[in-house]
């Protein structure tokens, strides 16, 4: 079983009504979904944060960090 989740639930994430954590039977589907989510967040959220991925064992986590002025 592969799990995707988010490190911190910012306001934009809460308003987007995404249901996490999610579980998948195979790594390819989990990786596809987590990449799609992180890209969606980076493209559509308020730009105060930057979202990126980490993977540990069977867990994919969307990490959240403050965006620098260079990221805007």
N, C-alpha and C. Protein backbone atom coordinates (compact mmCIF):
# COMPACT_ATOMS: atom_id res chain seq x y z
N UNK A 1 0.84 -1.18 0.00
CA UNK A 1 0.00 0.00 0.00
C UNK A 1 0.89 1.25 0.00
N UNK A 2 0.55 2.23 -0.84
CA UNK A 2 1.28 3.48 -0.95
C UNK A 2 0.35 4.61 -0.53
N UNK A 3 0.87 5.52 0.27
CA UNK A 3 0.07 6.60 0.82
C UNK A 3 0.60 7.94 0.36
N UNK A 4 -0.31 8.87 0.04
CA UNK A 4 0.07 10.25 -0.20
C UNK A 4 -0.63 11.13 0.83
N UNK A 5 0.11 12.13 1.32
CA UNK A 5 -0.42 13.04 2.33
C UNK A 5 0.30 14.38 2.18
N UNK A 6 -0.13 15.35 2.95
CA UNK A 6 0.50 16.67 2.94
C UNK A 6 1.03 16.98 4.34
N UNK A 7 2.18 17.65 4.38
CA UNK A 7 2.83 17.96 5.65
C UNK A 7 1.99 18.93 6.49
N UNK A 8 1.58 20.05 5.90
CA UNK A 8 0.81 21.08 6.60
C UNK A 8 -0.35 21.49 5.72
N UNK A 9 -1.50 21.66 6.32
CA UNK A 9 -2.69 22.04 5.57
C UNK A 9 -2.89 23.56 5.66
N UNK A 10 -2.40 24.27 4.66
CA UNK A 10 -2.55 25.73 4.62
C UNK A 10 -4.00 26.08 4.28
N UNK A 11 -4.33 27.35 4.36
CA UNK A 11 -5.69 27.79 4.08
C UNK A 11 -6.15 27.45 2.67
N UNK A 12 -5.29 27.63 1.69
CA UNK A 12 -5.65 27.31 0.31
C UNK A 12 -5.98 25.83 0.16
N UNK A 13 -5.20 24.98 0.81
CA UNK A 13 -5.45 23.54 0.75
C UNK A 13 -6.80 23.22 1.37
N UNK A 14 -7.09 23.81 2.52
CA UNK A 14 -8.37 23.55 3.20
C UNK A 14 -9.55 23.99 2.35
N UNK A 15 -9.44 25.13 1.68
CA UNK A 15 -10.53 25.63 0.83
C UNK A 15 -10.70 24.78 -0.43
N UNK A 16 -9.64 24.11 -0.86
CA UNK A 16 -9.68 23.31 -2.09
C UNK A 16 -10.42 21.99 -1.88
N UNK A 17 -10.67 21.61 -0.65
CA UNK A 17 -11.45 20.42 -0.33
C UNK A 17 -10.86 19.13 -0.94
N UNK A 18 -9.54 18.99 -0.84
CA UNK A 18 -8.86 17.77 -1.29
C UNK A 18 -8.84 16.79 -0.13
N UNK A 19 -9.19 15.57 -0.41
CA UNK A 19 -9.28 14.54 0.63
C UNK A 19 -7.96 13.78 0.73
N UNK A 20 -7.17 14.07 1.75
CA UNK A 20 -5.92 13.36 2.01
C UNK A 20 -5.92 12.89 3.46
N UNK A 21 -5.29 11.82 3.79
CA UNK A 21 -4.41 10.98 2.96
C UNK A 21 -5.20 10.07 2.01
N UNK A 22 -4.53 9.65 0.95
CA UNK A 22 -5.08 8.71 -0.02
C UNK A 22 -4.15 7.51 -0.09
N UNK A 23 -4.73 6.36 -0.34
CA UNK A 23 -3.96 5.12 -0.46
C UNK A 23 -4.09 4.55 -1.86
N UNK A 24 -2.99 3.95 -2.33
CA UNK A 24 -2.93 3.35 -3.66
C UNK A 24 -2.27 1.99 -3.57
N UNK A 25 -2.66 1.12 -4.48
CA UNK A 25 -2.10 -0.23 -4.51
C UNK A 25 -0.71 -0.27 -5.13
N UNK A 26 -0.41 0.64 -6.06
CA UNK A 26 0.91 0.60 -6.69
C UNK A 26 1.57 1.97 -6.68
N UNK A 27 2.88 1.95 -6.75
CA UNK A 27 3.69 3.17 -6.63
C UNK A 27 3.47 4.12 -7.80
N UNK A 28 3.30 3.61 -9.01
CA UNK A 28 3.14 4.48 -10.19
C UNK A 28 1.90 5.35 -10.07
N UNK A 29 0.78 4.76 -9.65
CA UNK A 29 -0.45 5.55 -9.49
C UNK A 29 -0.31 6.57 -8.37
N UNK A 30 0.31 6.20 -7.28
CA UNK A 30 0.51 7.12 -6.16
C UNK A 30 1.42 8.28 -6.59
N UNK A 31 2.50 7.96 -7.27
CA UNK A 31 3.42 9.00 -7.71
C UNK A 31 2.76 9.94 -8.72
N UNK A 32 1.99 9.40 -9.65
CA UNK A 32 1.28 10.23 -10.62
C UNK A 32 0.33 11.19 -9.90
N UNK A 33 -0.45 10.67 -8.96
CA UNK A 33 -1.42 11.50 -8.25
C UNK A 33 -0.75 12.58 -7.40
N UNK A 34 0.33 12.26 -6.71
CA UNK A 34 0.98 13.24 -5.85
C UNK A 34 1.67 14.33 -6.69
N UNK A 35 2.23 13.97 -7.83
CA UNK A 35 2.81 14.97 -8.72
C UNK A 35 1.73 15.90 -9.28
N UNK A 36 0.60 15.33 -9.64
CA UNK A 36 -0.52 16.11 -10.15
C UNK A 36 -1.01 17.09 -9.08
N UNK A 37 -1.13 16.63 -7.84
CA UNK A 37 -1.58 17.50 -6.75
C UNK A 37 -0.60 18.63 -6.48
N UNK A 38 0.69 18.32 -6.38
CA UNK A 38 1.70 19.35 -6.11
C UNK A 38 1.73 20.38 -7.23
N UNK A 39 1.64 19.94 -8.47
CA UNK A 39 1.60 20.88 -9.60
C UNK A 39 0.37 21.77 -9.54
N UNK A 40 -0.77 21.18 -9.20
CA UNK A 40 -2.01 21.94 -9.06
C UNK A 40 -1.85 23.01 -7.97
N UNK A 41 -1.28 22.63 -6.84
CA UNK A 41 -1.11 23.56 -5.72
C UNK A 41 -0.16 24.70 -6.10
N UNK A 42 0.95 24.38 -6.71
CA UNK A 42 1.91 25.41 -7.10
C UNK A 42 1.34 26.36 -8.15
N UNK A 43 0.48 25.86 -9.03
CA UNK A 43 -0.08 26.69 -10.09
C UNK A 43 -1.28 27.51 -9.64
N UNK A 44 -2.06 27.01 -8.70
CA UNK A 44 -3.35 27.62 -8.40
C UNK A 44 -3.49 28.26 -7.03
N UNK A 45 -2.61 27.97 -6.12
CA UNK A 45 -2.74 28.53 -4.78
C UNK A 45 -2.14 29.93 -4.72
N UNK A 46 -2.19 30.58 -3.57
CA UNK A 46 -1.90 32.01 -3.41
C UNK A 46 -0.43 32.41 -3.61
N UNK A 47 0.45 31.49 -3.75
CA UNK A 47 1.88 31.73 -3.97
C UNK A 47 2.64 32.12 -2.71
N UNK A 48 2.01 32.04 -1.54
CA UNK A 48 2.72 32.29 -0.28
C UNK A 48 3.58 31.08 0.09
N UNK A 49 3.22 29.92 -0.45
CA UNK A 49 3.94 28.69 -0.16
C UNK A 49 4.39 28.04 -1.46
N UNK A 50 5.37 27.17 -1.32
CA UNK A 50 5.83 26.34 -2.43
C UNK A 50 5.65 24.90 -1.98
N UNK A 51 5.21 24.06 -2.89
CA UNK A 51 4.92 22.67 -2.58
C UNK A 51 5.87 21.76 -3.35
N UNK A 52 6.45 20.80 -2.65
CA UNK A 52 7.35 19.85 -3.29
C UNK A 52 7.19 18.50 -2.62
N UNK A 53 7.77 17.47 -3.21
CA UNK A 53 7.53 16.10 -2.77
C UNK A 53 8.72 15.49 -2.07
N UNK A 54 8.41 14.60 -1.15
CA UNK A 54 9.41 13.70 -0.59
C UNK A 54 8.80 12.30 -0.62
N UNK A 55 9.66 11.31 -0.64
CA UNK A 55 9.21 9.92 -0.60
C UNK A 55 10.06 9.18 0.41
N UNK A 56 9.39 8.48 1.30
CA UNK A 56 10.07 7.65 2.28
C UNK A 56 9.32 6.34 2.37
N UNK A 57 10.01 5.26 2.06
CA UNK A 57 9.39 3.94 2.01
C UNK A 57 8.19 4.00 1.05
N UNK A 58 6.99 3.70 1.53
CA UNK A 58 5.80 3.71 0.69
C UNK A 58 4.96 4.97 0.88
N UNK A 59 5.56 6.02 1.42
CA UNK A 59 4.84 7.25 1.71
C UNK A 59 5.35 8.39 0.85
N UNK A 60 4.43 9.02 0.12
CA UNK A 60 4.72 10.24 -0.62
C UNK A 60 4.12 11.39 0.17
N UNK A 61 4.91 12.42 0.45
CA UNK A 61 4.43 13.55 1.23
C UNK A 61 4.66 14.84 0.45
N UNK A 62 3.61 15.66 0.39
CA UNK A 62 3.74 17.00 -0.18
C UNK A 62 4.22 17.90 0.94
N UNK A 63 5.40 18.45 0.78
CA UNK A 63 5.99 19.33 1.78
C UNK A 63 5.62 20.77 1.44
N UNK A 64 5.56 21.61 2.46
CA UNK A 64 5.15 23.00 2.31
C UNK A 64 6.25 23.89 2.88
N UNK A 65 6.66 24.89 2.11
CA UNK A 65 7.61 25.88 2.63
C UNK A 65 7.18 27.26 2.17
N UNK A 66 7.58 28.28 2.92
CA UNK A 66 7.29 29.66 2.52
C UNK A 66 8.00 29.96 1.21
N UNK A 67 7.30 30.60 0.32
CA UNK A 67 7.88 30.98 -0.97
C UNK A 67 8.74 32.23 -0.75
N UNK A 68 9.87 32.27 -1.40
CA UNK A 68 10.70 33.46 -1.34
C UNK A 68 10.24 34.43 -2.42
N UNK A 69 10.69 35.67 -2.35
CA UNK A 69 10.31 36.65 -3.36
C UNK A 69 10.83 36.25 -4.74
N UNK A 70 11.87 35.44 -4.80
CA UNK A 70 12.40 34.97 -6.09
C UNK A 70 11.48 33.95 -6.74
N UNK A 71 10.65 33.25 -5.95
CA UNK A 71 9.73 32.25 -6.48
C UNK A 71 8.52 32.89 -7.15
N UNK A 72 8.24 34.17 -6.84
CA UNK A 72 7.03 34.82 -7.36
C UNK A 72 7.18 35.29 -8.74
